[in-house]
Structure formats: C-alpha cells, structure tokens
Amino acid sequence: MSGVRAEWRTALIGALAKSDVPALVVWGDHDHILPFSHLEAAAAALPRAESHVFAKTGHMPQIERPDEFAAVVEDFLTRVSADRQVTSI
C-alpha cells in the first residue's frame, strides 16, 4: 500500500483488526493510486472485514459510481445494524 506512511498504516490496521468495529473495504479494480492488487493485503490484515470491488472504477468509487457505492454501503450498514441488534438482545 504505497502512498500512506507505513507507521500510520500499521497503527490504523492494527487497531481496526483488534476492534470489533465492522469494516467494509471498497476498491476500484482500475485504481492507479492504490492498485487493486493491494486488496489482497488489506483482506489479509483485516480478516473480519467485508470487501467490495467496483468494476471499471478507479480510486474514487463514491464519485465514479455513486449509486452503486451508496447501495453497497447501505446494505452493509443495514446488515451490521441488524446483526448488532440481535447480538445485544
């Protein structure tokens, strides 16, 4: 994952991996800033995280595919919210 200071990335990923906060990793398969090949490392570092790959999309899926992005995030948040409500009962 180039472009991000290693110590910052390591601390962030470590904290997220240890927490029980649900995580969704989104990636564009044509991202030239953080290449798609880096998704494998992100998934390995965050094994409990979900991931979604946007086809024919670069670094900003939220701008390039706003409707699809919103649907993916909404679905994720709905499922996570439902799971947390069931777990807390």
C-alpha atoms as a PDB file:
ATOM      1  CA  MET A   1       0.000   0.000   0.000  1.00  0.00           C
ATOM      2  CA  SER A   2       2.163   2.822  -1.204  1.00  0.00           C
ATOM      3  CA  GLY A   3       1.216   6.433  -0.687  1.00  0.00           C
ATOM      4  CA  VAL A   4       0.499   6.127   3.025  1.00  0.00           C
ATOM      5  CA  ARG A   5       3.154   6.407   5.721  1.00  0.00           C
ATOM      6  CA  ALA A   6       3.943   2.893   6.909  1.00  0.00           C
ATOM      7  CA  GLU A   7       3.761   3.706  10.637  1.00  0.00           C
ATOM      8  CA  TRP A   8       0.348   5.341  10.262  1.00  0.00           C
ATOM      9  CA  ARG A   9      -0.989   2.459   8.160  1.00  0.00           C
ATOM     10  CA  THR A  10       0.380  -0.156  10.568  1.00  0.00           C
ATOM     11  CA  ALA A  11      -1.173   1.552  13.596  1.00  0.00           C
ATOM     12  CA  LEU A  12      -4.537   2.030  11.884  1.00  0.00           C
ATOM     13  CA  ILE A  13      -4.794  -1.517  10.558  1.00  0.00           C
ATOM     14  CA  GLY A  14      -3.642  -2.963  13.883  1.00  0.00           C
ATOM     15  CA  ALA A  15      -6.243  -1.013  15.834  1.00  0.00           C
ATOM     16  CA  LEU A  16      -9.020  -1.892  13.421  1.00  0.00           C
ATOM     17  CA  ALA A  17      -8.051  -5.574  13.335  1.00  0.00           C
ATOM     18  CA  LYS A  18      -8.229  -5.749  17.153  1.00  0.00           C
ATOM     19  CA  SER A  19     -11.545  -3.915  17.439  1.00  0.00           C
ATOM     20  CA  ASP A  20     -14.997  -5.333  16.964  1.00  0.00           C
ATOM     21  CA  VAL A  21     -15.986  -2.439  14.716  1.00  0.00           C
ATOM     22  CA  PRO A  22     -17.389  -3.789  11.457  1.00  0.00           C
ATOM     23  CA  ALA A  23     -15.348  -2.766   8.442  1.00  0.00           C
ATOM     24  CA  LEU A  24     -16.096  -2.554   4.748  1.00  0.00           C
ATOM     25  CA  VAL A  25     -13.141  -2.269   2.372  1.00  0.00           C
ATOM     26  CA  VAL A  26     -14.080  -0.902  -1.041  1.00  0.00           C
ATOM     27  CA  TRP A  27     -11.800  -0.849  -4.043  1.00  0.00           C
ATOM     28  CA  GLY A  28     -11.922   0.062  -7.691  1.00  0.00           C
ATOM     29  CA  ASP A  29     -10.419  -2.533  -9.998  1.00  0.00           C
ATOM     30  CA  HIS A  30      -8.787   0.252 -12.046  1.00  0.00           C
ATOM     31  CA  ASP A  31      -7.365   2.227  -9.093  1.00  0.00           C
ATOM     32  CA  HIS A  32      -3.985   3.625 -10.145  1.00  0.00           C
ATOM     33  CA  ILE A  33      -3.296   5.321  -6.791  1.00  0.00           C
ATOM     34  CA  LEU A  34      -3.740   2.229  -4.601  1.00  0.00           C
ATOM     35  CA  PRO A  35      -3.669  -0.599  -7.135  1.00  0.00           C
ATOM     36  CA  PHE A  36      -6.273  -3.341  -6.981  1.00  0.00           C
ATOM     37  CA  SER A  37      -3.533  -5.837  -6.156  1.00  0.00           C
ATOM     38  CA  HIS A  38      -3.330  -4.245  -2.684  1.00  0.00           C
ATOM     39  CA  LEU A  39      -6.806  -5.502  -1.799  1.00  0.00           C
ATOM     40  CA  GLU A  40      -5.341  -8.912  -1.013  1.00  0.00           C
ATOM     41  CA  ALA A  41      -3.076  -7.367   1.648  1.00  0.00           C
ATOM     42  CA  ALA A  42      -5.980  -5.403   3.111  1.00  0.00           C
ATOM     43  CA  ALA A  43      -8.136  -8.522   3.294  1.00  0.00           C
ATOM     44  CA  ALA A  44      -5.324 -10.469   4.955  1.00  0.00           C
ATOM     45  CA  ALA A  45      -4.742  -7.704   7.504  1.00  0.00           C
ATOM     46  CA  LEU A  46      -8.467  -7.378   8.239  1.00  0.00           C
ATOM     47  CA  PRO A  47      -9.846 -10.930   8.001  1.00  0.00           C
ATOM     48  CA  ARG A  48     -13.203  -9.998   9.555  1.00  0.00           C
ATOM     49  CA  ALA A  49     -13.760  -7.100   7.149  1.00  0.00           C
ATOM     50  CA  GLU A  50     -16.018  -7.374   4.162  1.00  0.00           C
ATOM     51  CA  SER A  51     -14.843  -6.153   0.800  1.00  0.00           C
ATOM     52  CA  HIS A  52     -16.449  -4.984  -2.388  1.00  0.00           C
ATOM     53  CA  VAL A  53     -14.758  -4.386  -5.717  1.00  0.00           C
ATOM     54  CA  PHE A  54     -16.216  -1.895  -8.153  1.00  0.00           C
ATOM     55  CA  ALA A  55     -15.719  -2.910 -11.789  1.00  0.00           C
ATOM     56  CA  LYS A  56     -14.242  -0.417 -14.237  1.00  0.00           C
ATOM     57  CA  THR A  57     -13.660   2.017 -11.379  1.00  0.00           C
ATOM     58  CA  GLY A  58     -10.640   3.979 -10.237  1.00  0.00           C
ATOM     59  CA  HIS A  59      -9.656   5.427  -6.870  1.00  0.00           C
ATOM     60  CA  MET A  60     -12.957   7.134  -6.012  1.00  0.00           C
ATOM     61  CA  PRO A  61     -15.887   4.738  -6.342  1.00  0.00           C
ATOM     62  CA  GLN A  62     -18.028   7.075  -4.226  1.00  0.00           C
ATOM     63  CA  ILE A  63     -17.754   9.648  -7.020  1.00  0.00           C
ATOM     64  CA  GLU A  64     -17.397   7.390 -10.057  1.00  0.00           C
ATOM     65  CA  ARG A  65     -20.270   5.059  -9.128  1.00  0.00           C
ATOM     66  CA  PRO A  66     -22.300   6.961  -6.521  1.00  0.00           C
ATOM     67  CA  ASP A  67     -25.498   4.922  -6.784  1.00  0.00           C
ATOM     68  CA  GLU A  68     -23.727   1.568  -6.605  1.00  0.00           C
ATOM     69  CA  PHE A  69     -21.485   2.846  -3.798  1.00  0.00           C
ATOM     70  CA  ALA A  70     -24.479   4.065  -1.794  1.00  0.00           C
ATOM     71  CA  ALA A  71     -26.272   0.738  -2.286  1.00  0.00           C
ATOM     72  CA  VAL A  72     -23.228  -1.265  -1.154  1.00  0.00           C
ATOM     73  CA  VAL A  73     -22.715   0.885   1.943  1.00  0.00           C
ATOM     74  CA  GLU A  74     -26.416   0.935   2.787  1.00  0.00           C
ATOM     75  CA  ASP A  75     -26.606  -2.858   2.512  1.00  0.00           C
ATOM     76  CA  PHE A  76     -23.521  -3.244   4.704  1.00  0.00           C
ATOM     77  CA  LEU A  77     -24.813  -0.850   7.365  1.00  0.00           C
ATOM     78  CA  THR A  78     -28.260  -2.457   7.374  1.00  0.00           C
ATOM     79  CA  ARG A  79     -26.794  -5.942   7.867  1.00  0.00           C
ATOM     80  CA  VAL A  80     -24.308  -4.788  10.516  1.00  0.00           C
ATOM     81  CA  SER A  81     -27.015  -2.904  12.400  1.00  0.00           C
ATOM     82  CA  ALA A  82     -29.321  -5.937  12.335  1.00  0.00           C
ATOM     83  CA  ASP A  83     -26.528  -8.247  13.469  1.00  0.00           C
ATOM     84  CA  ARG A  84     -25.622  -5.948  16.349  1.00  0.00           C
ATOM     85  CA  GLN A  85     -29.260  -5.678  17.462  1.00  0.00           C
ATOM     86  CA  VAL A  86     -29.616  -9.477  17.504  1.00  0.00           C
ATOM     87  CA  THR A  87     -26.337  -9.854  19.404  1.00  0.00           C
ATOM     88  CA  SER A  88     -27.312  -7.292  22.036  1.00  0.00           C
ATOM     89  CA  ILE A  89     -30.647  -8.946  22.851  1.00  0.00           C
END
